[in-house]
Amino acid sequence: MFDAPQLATLRALIERYIPADDVPGGIAAGVDGYLIGFLQGDGVGFLTRYSQALTALENEAQLRHGTAFAGLNGPDADALISALWQNDTRAVWLCDAPATLALIAEHCAEGFYSDPRHGANANAISWTSIGFEERR
């Protein structure tokens, strides 16, 4: 599905979108597994777009900072994402950078706040953080 650099970039992007603070972040909540499952199932139509965006994001980090996106510190990664959301690109993007990064952010939020039965929100991390109590 994704090669090793793309997977590392995806995980680093998830951690920038949903960083750990007083609540565990997106990776701890299983958002990466959720996205992979989604892209292998109902979201298979997004797989090419994700792959293109992750490769382009990695290329942006290399061009701007001389290192992998996953190797950037938080402020540098956030500044790069912010620039890309403004369509300030230097690498070749085969998809619309702002729209695709927004789509990935939306999917990350879906995974983080979803019912744990859907493969993310491990131990109802996000629900606990907002005081949500499931009623069945």
Protein backbone atom coordinates (compact mmCIF):
# COMPACT_ATOMS: atom_id res chain seq x y z
CA MET A 1 0.00 0.00 0.00
CA PHE A 2 2.52 2.64 1.15
CA ASP A 3 6.28 2.33 1.00
CA ALA A 4 8.31 2.95 4.16
CA PRO A 5 8.93 6.69 3.53
CA GLN A 6 5.25 7.29 2.76
CA LEU A 7 4.17 5.45 5.91
CA ALA A 8 6.64 7.43 8.03
CA THR A 9 5.36 10.65 6.45
CA LEU A 10 1.75 9.67 7.10
CA ARG A 11 2.47 8.90 10.75
CA ALA A 12 4.37 12.17 11.20
CA LEU A 13 1.53 14.09 9.56
CA ILE A 14 -1.00 12.44 11.88
CA GLU A 15 1.11 13.49 14.85
CA ARG A 16 1.15 17.09 13.61
CA TYR A 17 -2.62 17.11 13.04
CA ILE A 18 -3.38 15.40 16.36
CA PRO A 19 -0.35 15.91 18.59
CA ALA A 20 -0.03 14.44 22.03
CA ASP A 21 -0.53 16.94 24.84
CA ASP A 22 -2.43 16.16 28.02
CA VAL A 23 -4.22 13.55 25.87
CA PRO A 24 -2.41 10.94 23.77
CA GLY A 25 -2.07 11.91 20.12
CA GLY A 26 -3.29 10.42 16.87
CA ILE A 27 -0.80 7.57 16.66
CA ALA A 28 -1.52 6.45 20.23
CA ALA A 29 -5.22 6.52 19.35
CA GLY A 30 -4.62 4.26 16.32
CA VAL A 31 -5.43 6.81 13.62
CA ASP A 32 -2.72 5.38 11.35
CA GLY A 33 -4.32 1.93 11.48
CA TYR A 34 -7.74 3.46 10.94
CA LEU A 35 -6.56 5.29 7.82
CA ILE A 36 -4.87 2.22 6.38
CA GLY A 37 -8.01 0.17 6.95
CA PHE A 38 -10.16 2.91 5.45
CA LEU A 39 -7.93 3.17 2.37
CA GLN A 40 -8.11 -0.59 1.89
CA GLY A 41 -11.90 -0.57 2.15
CA ASP A 42 -14.47 2.17 1.65
CA GLY A 43 -11.80 4.81 1.00
CA VAL A 44 -9.87 2.91 -1.67
CA GLY A 45 -10.72 5.66 -4.13
CA PHE A 46 -8.51 8.04 -2.11
CA LEU A 47 -5.45 5.76 -2.12
CA THR A 48 -3.76 7.28 -5.19
CA ARG A 49 -4.33 10.80 -3.90
CA TYR A 50 -2.87 9.91 -0.50
CA SER A 51 0.13 8.25 -2.12
CA GLN A 52 0.77 11.27 -4.33
CA ALA A 53 0.41 13.69 -1.40
CA LEU A 54 2.70 11.73 0.92
CA THR A 55 5.40 11.55 -1.74
CA ALA A 56 5.06 15.27 -2.49
CA LEU A 57 5.11 16.16 1.22
CA GLU A 58 8.31 14.16 1.64
CA ASN A 59 9.81 15.95 -1.37
CA GLU A 60 8.80 19.34 0.08
CA ALA A 61 10.60 18.53 3.34
CA GLN A 62 13.70 17.43 1.45
CA LEU A 63 13.72 20.55 -0.75
CA ARG A 64 13.10 23.00 2.09
CA HIS A 65 14.94 21.37 4.99
CA GLY A 66 17.18 18.67 3.52
CA THR A 67 15.56 15.99 5.66
CA ALA A 68 12.57 13.68 5.74
CA PHE A 69 9.24 15.11 6.86
CA ALA A 70 9.25 12.63 9.75
CA GLY A 71 12.61 14.07 10.83
CA LEU A 72 11.40 17.65 11.12
CA ASN A 73 10.87 19.19 14.54
CA GLY A 74 7.32 20.25 15.40
CA PRO A 75 7.60 23.96 14.51
CA ASP A 76 9.29 23.24 11.16
CA ALA A 77 6.73 20.57 10.28
CA ASP A 78 3.87 22.88 11.25
CA ALA A 79 5.32 25.75 9.22
CA LEU A 80 5.66 23.49 6.19
CA ILE A 81 2.08 22.24 6.52
CA SER A 82 0.87 25.82 6.90
CA ALA A 83 2.73 26.89 3.76
CA LEU A 84 1.24 23.99 1.82
CA TRP A 85 -2.27 24.84 3.03
CA GLN A 86 -1.61 28.24 1.41
CA ASN A 87 -0.58 26.44 -1.81
CA ASP A 88 3.05 27.51 -1.34
CA THR A 89 4.58 24.47 -3.01
CA ARG A 90 8.07 23.87 -4.36
CA ALA A 91 7.87 20.17 -5.18
CA VAL A 92 5.73 18.66 -7.90
CA TRP A 93 2.25 17.87 -6.58
CA LEU A 94 0.10 15.60 -8.72
CA CYS A 95 -2.90 16.53 -6.60
CA ASP A 96 -4.13 19.79 -5.10
CA ALA A 97 -1.96 20.28 -1.99
CA PRO A 98 -4.33 22.32 0.20
CA ALA A 99 -7.40 20.25 -0.65
CA THR A 100 -5.61 16.95 -0.16
CA LEU A 101 -4.03 17.96 3.15
CA ALA A 102 -7.47 19.14 4.31
CA LEU A 103 -8.96 15.80 3.26
CA ILE A 104 -6.30 13.89 5.21
CA ALA A 105 -6.92 16.14 8.24
CA GLU A 106 -10.63 15.37 8.01
CA HIS A 107 -9.97 11.63 7.81
CA CYS A 108 -7.61 11.89 10.80
CA ALA A 109 -10.33 13.60 12.82
CA GLU A 110 -12.83 10.92 11.78
CA GLY A 111 -10.49 8.24 13.06
CA PHE A 112 -9.61 10.05 16.26
CA TYR A 113 -13.21 10.79 17.26
CA SER A 114 -14.85 7.69 15.80
CA ASP A 115 -16.39 4.83 17.68
CA PRO A 116 -13.51 2.58 18.79
CA ARG A 117 -15.27 -0.30 17.02
CA HIS A 118 -14.19 1.32 13.72
CA GLY A 119 -10.52 0.72 14.43
CA ALA A 120 -9.28 3.93 16.02
CA ASN A 121 -9.88 6.04 19.11
CA ALA A 122 -8.11 3.30 21.09
CA ASN A 123 -9.52 2.96 24.58
CA ALA A 124 -11.89 5.82 23.70
CA ILE A 125 -9.00 8.28 24.20
CA SER A 126 -10.70 11.19 22.50
CA TRP A 127 -14.10 10.49 23.99
CA THR A 128 -12.61 10.49 27.48
CA SER A 129 -10.80 13.77 26.78
CA ILE A 130 -14.05 15.55 25.87
CA GLY A 131 -16.15 13.86 28.55
CA PHE A 132 -18.27 11.84 26.13
CA GLU A 133 -19.99 8.84 27.66
CA GLU A 134 -21.30 6.22 25.28
CA ARG A 135 -24.86 5.09 25.90
CA ARG A 136 -26.06 1.81 24.47
